[in-house]
Amino acid sequence: MTRINDFNEVLNSRKSVKVFDENYKISREEMDEIITKATQAPSSVNMQPWRIAVVESDEMKEKVKESFRFNSRQLTTSSAMLIILGDLQNYEKAEQIYGDAVEQQLMTEDIKAQLLDWILPYYKNLSREGMKDIVNIDSSLMAMQLMLTAKAHGYDTNPIGGFDKENIADIIGYDSDRYVPVLAIAIGKKAQDAHDSVRLPIDDVREFL
């Protein structure tokens, strides 16, 4: 695919595509490159709670087909359906994340200890709803960055909220008590152009105070 180097072009050309070239497959190497760039997105205390299930095989697409019955074209024609889940126990990665930061001389051992002493008790004592709020915001930031990164790689996407969120984690083999679905993103090479859409005028959405 032809990559796009101009950021304004990426922003202006990203649209939600409904039908993809079902014969085109993004290599796992390039998919990992896209996801790696997307996961540079910010997150609360850098806990990076997003987990990404790349549904690419015909077998798994068939398994989740009923969950995406209102968006079946995107599922069946895309290179992959990325199911983004938030890890409610993301703090279990805190030692690894901050340990790597110390190793890379991005923080001191003392700062790491201070952060862990504050963050771990706070996160562990959050209600389920409180943690869901955090992982939903953080994972959505990453998802938007993923869609822009995909466009820069020459691919198109379609974010999807209309799927069986209640059961999808169990269907794809994730613990539904721990992992909550945030959204799904179809990704691939477009077969049909997306419809243009309108945006509210800036004066309707912005107020200087």
Protein backbone atom coordinates (compact mmCIF):
# COMPACT_ATOMS: atom_id res chain seq x y z
CA MET A 1 0.00 0.00 0.00
CA THR A 2 1.08 3.59 -0.63
CA ARG A 3 1.77 5.34 2.63
CA ILE A 4 0.70 8.92 3.34
CA ASN A 5 3.34 11.18 4.83
CA ASP A 6 1.36 14.42 5.11
CA PHE A 7 -0.54 14.59 8.42
CA ASN A 8 -3.19 16.97 7.11
CA GLU A 9 -3.91 14.52 4.31
CA VAL A 10 -4.24 11.72 6.85
CA LEU A 11 -6.72 13.75 8.88
CA ASN A 12 -8.74 14.93 5.91
CA SER A 13 -8.89 11.58 4.13
CA ARG A 14 -9.76 9.32 7.07
CA LYS A 15 -13.36 8.15 6.64
CA SER A 16 -15.38 5.21 7.88
CA VAL A 17 -15.36 2.57 5.15
CA LYS A 18 -18.09 -0.07 5.13
CA VAL A 19 -16.86 -2.45 2.42
CA PHE A 20 -13.29 -3.69 2.07
CA ASP A 21 -11.38 -5.79 -0.46
CA GLU A 22 -11.95 -9.23 1.04
CA ASN A 23 -8.98 -10.67 -0.86
CA TYR A 24 -6.48 -8.24 0.64
CA LYS A 25 -4.73 -9.25 3.85
CA ILE A 26 -2.50 -7.01 5.93
CA SER A 27 0.61 -8.91 6.96
CA ARG A 28 1.09 -9.59 10.64
CA GLU A 29 4.34 -7.67 10.53
CA GLU A 30 2.63 -4.53 9.25
CA MET A 31 -0.31 -5.00 11.61
CA ASP A 32 2.14 -5.11 14.50
CA GLU A 33 3.81 -1.95 13.17
CA ILE A 34 0.46 -0.14 13.07
CA ILE A 35 -0.51 -1.31 16.56
CA THR A 36 2.91 -0.44 17.98
CA LYS A 37 2.55 3.13 16.71
CA ALA A 38 -1.01 3.34 18.02
CA THR A 39 0.02 2.25 21.48
CA GLN A 40 2.23 5.31 21.81
CA ALA A 41 -1.04 7.02 22.80
CA PRO A 42 -1.27 8.50 26.30
CA SER A 43 -2.92 6.66 29.18
CA SER A 44 -3.63 7.32 32.84
CA VAL A 45 -0.39 6.91 34.84
CA ASN A 46 0.93 5.11 31.74
CA MET A 47 -0.90 1.87 32.58
CA GLN A 48 -1.73 1.20 28.90
CA PRO A 49 -4.90 -0.79 29.71
CA TRP A 50 -5.80 -1.59 26.10
CA ARG A 51 -5.68 -5.18 24.85
CA ILE A 52 -6.22 -5.80 21.13
CA ALA A 53 -7.63 -9.03 19.71
CA VAL A 54 -6.91 -9.20 15.98
CA VAL A 55 -9.70 -11.29 14.47
CA GLU A 56 -8.28 -12.20 11.06
CA SER A 57 -8.91 -15.90 10.41
CA ASP A 58 -12.03 -17.10 8.61
CA GLU A 59 -12.71 -19.45 11.52
CA MET A 60 -12.70 -16.71 14.15
CA LYS A 61 -14.66 -14.33 11.93
CA GLU A 62 -17.33 -17.00 11.62
CA LYS A 63 -17.27 -17.50 15.38
CA VAL A 64 -17.96 -13.81 16.09
CA LYS A 65 -20.27 -13.26 13.12
CA GLU A 66 -23.46 -13.27 15.17
CA SER A 67 -21.94 -10.68 17.52
CA PHE A 68 -21.47 -8.32 14.54
CA ARG A 69 -24.76 -9.08 12.78
CA PHE A 70 -25.46 -5.35 12.20
CA ASN A 71 -21.97 -4.80 10.80
CA SER A 72 -21.39 -8.08 8.98
CA ARG A 73 -19.99 -6.49 5.80
CA GLN A 74 -17.17 -4.87 7.72
CA LEU A 75 -16.40 -8.13 9.50
CA THR A 76 -16.42 -10.41 6.49
CA THR A 77 -14.61 -8.15 4.01
CA SER A 78 -11.97 -6.48 6.20
CA SER A 79 -8.45 -7.77 6.62
CA ALA A 80 -9.20 -7.96 10.32
CA MET A 81 -11.64 -6.86 12.96
CA LEU A 82 -9.71 -5.41 15.88
CA ILE A 83 -11.59 -5.93 19.12
CA ILE A 84 -10.27 -3.50 21.70
CA LEU A 85 -10.74 -4.47 25.32
CA GLY A 86 -9.84 -2.70 28.52
CA ASP A 87 -7.98 -4.67 31.18
CA LEU A 88 -9.56 -3.91 34.56
CA GLN A 89 -6.47 -5.37 36.26
CA ASN A 90 -4.03 -3.33 34.18
CA TYR A 91 -2.14 -2.33 37.34
CA GLU A 92 -0.59 -5.81 37.33
CA LYS A 93 1.70 -4.46 34.60
CA ALA A 94 2.83 -1.53 36.77
CA GLU A 95 6.03 -3.18 37.99
CA GLN A 96 6.98 -4.11 34.42
CA ILE A 97 6.17 -0.67 32.99
CA TYR A 98 7.97 1.34 35.64
CA GLY A 99 10.80 -1.18 35.85
CA ASP A 100 11.44 -0.73 32.14
CA ALA A 101 11.34 3.05 32.64
CA VAL A 102 14.06 2.77 35.28
CA GLU A 103 16.12 0.49 33.05
CA GLN A 104 15.87 3.03 30.23
CA GLN A 105 16.81 5.82 32.66
CA LEU A 106 13.45 7.56 32.24
CA MET A 107 12.89 7.59 36.00
CA THR A 108 14.81 6.73 39.14
CA GLU A 109 14.24 3.74 41.37
CA ASP A 110 12.98 6.12 44.08
CA ILE A 111 10.40 7.66 41.75
CA LYS A 112 9.29 4.18 40.70
CA ALA A 113 8.80 3.16 44.34
CA GLN A 114 6.83 6.33 45.09
CA LEU A 115 4.56 5.81 42.09
CA LEU A 116 3.91 2.16 42.91
CA ASP A 117 3.16 3.02 46.55
CA TRP A 118 0.51 5.49 45.38
CA ILE A 119 -0.89 3.91 42.22
CA LEU A 120 -1.27 0.27 43.24
CA PRO A 121 -3.49 0.85 46.31
CA TYR A 122 -5.53 3.48 44.46
CA TYR A 123 -6.16 1.32 41.39
CA LYS A 124 -6.84 -1.85 43.40
CA ASN A 125 -9.48 -0.04 45.47
CA LEU A 126 -11.30 1.52 42.54
CA SER A 127 -14.82 0.31 41.88
CA ARG A 128 -15.42 -1.69 38.71
CA GLU A 129 -17.26 1.29 37.23
CA GLY A 130 -14.42 3.63 38.17
CA MET A 131 -11.86 1.43 36.44
CA LYS A 132 -14.14 1.01 33.42
CA ASP A 133 -14.21 4.79 33.04
CA ILE A 134 -10.41 4.87 32.96
CA VAL A 135 -9.94 2.01 30.50
CA ASN A 136 -12.69 3.31 28.21
CA ILE A 137 -11.05 6.73 27.92
CA ASP A 138 -7.51 5.38 27.54
CA SER A 139 -8.47 2.69 25.04
CA SER A 140 -10.47 5.19 22.97
CA LEU A 141 -7.43 7.48 22.74
CA MET A 142 -5.40 4.56 21.46
CA ALA A 143 -8.16 3.56 19.03
CA MET A 144 -8.23 6.99 17.39
CA GLN A 145 -4.46 6.94 17.04
CA LEU A 146 -4.71 3.47 15.52
CA MET A 147 -7.17 4.65 12.87
CA LEU A 148 -4.95 7.58 11.92
CA THR A 149 -1.90 5.32 11.83
CA ALA A 150 -3.75 2.85 9.61
CA LYS A 151 -4.63 5.68 7.22
CA ALA A 152 -1.01 6.79 7.12
CA HIS A 153 -0.16 3.21 6.08
CA GLY A 154 -2.68 3.47 3.25
CA TYR A 155 -5.50 1.50 4.89
CA ASP A 156 -9.03 2.40 5.86
CA THR A 157 -10.99 1.69 9.00
CA ASN A 158 -14.45 1.67 10.48
CA PRO A 159 -14.96 2.07 14.24
CA ILE A 160 -17.85 -0.03 15.51
CA GLY A 161 -19.69 0.22 18.80
CA GLY A 162 -22.69 -1.84 17.71
CA PHE A 163 -21.72 -5.38 18.60
CA ASP A 164 -22.48 -7.89 21.35
CA LYS A 165 -20.36 -6.37 24.09
CA GLU A 166 -21.94 -8.54 26.75
CA ASN A 167 -20.63 -11.80 25.32
CA ILE A 168 -17.78 -10.96 22.93
CA ALA A 169 -14.97 -11.41 25.47
CA ASP A 170 -16.06 -14.94 26.32
CA ILE A 171 -16.54 -15.78 22.64
CA ILE A 172 -12.96 -14.84 21.73
CA GLY A 173 -11.49 -16.47 24.84
CA TYR A 174 -10.99 -13.54 27.22
CA ASP A 175 -12.10 -13.46 30.86
CA SER A 176 -15.19 -11.23 30.79
CA ASP A 177 -14.78 -10.37 34.47
CA ARG A 178 -11.41 -8.84 33.71
CA TYR A 179 -11.63 -7.59 30.12
CA VAL A 180 -14.35 -5.18 29.02
CA PRO A 181 -14.98 -4.46 25.33
CA VAL A 182 -14.56 -0.80 24.37
CA LEU A 183 -15.05 -0.82 20.61
CA ALA A 184 -14.10 -2.71 17.47
CA ILE A 185 -12.28 -1.41 14.39
CA ALA A 186 -12.52 -2.98 10.95
CA ILE A 187 -9.30 -2.43 9.00
CA GLY A 188 -8.31 -3.19 5.43
CA LYS A 189 -8.09 -1.95 1.86
CA LYS A 190 -11.30 -0.23 0.84
CA ALA A 191 -13.42 -1.69 -1.96
CA GLN A 192 -15.95 1.13 -1.94
CA ASP A 193 -15.47 4.79 -1.10
CA ALA A 194 -16.94 5.95 2.18
CA HIS A 195 -19.87 8.33 2.21
CA ASP A 196 -19.02 11.93 2.96
CA SER A 197 -20.42 13.28 6.20
CA VAL A 198 -20.95 16.73 7.67
CA ARG A 199 -19.55 18.27 10.82
CA LEU A 200 -21.03 20.92 13.06
CA PRO A 201 -19.62 24.43 12.62
CA ILE A 202 -16.82 25.30 15.02
CA ASP A 203 -19.03 27.89 16.75
CA ASP A 204 -21.45 25.11 17.72
CA VAL A 205 -18.86 23.03 19.52
CA ARG A 206 -16.30 25.51 20.86
CA GLU A 207 -16.54 28.28 23.41
CA PHE A 208 -13.69 30.50 24.56
CA LEU A 209 -13.97 31.32 28.26
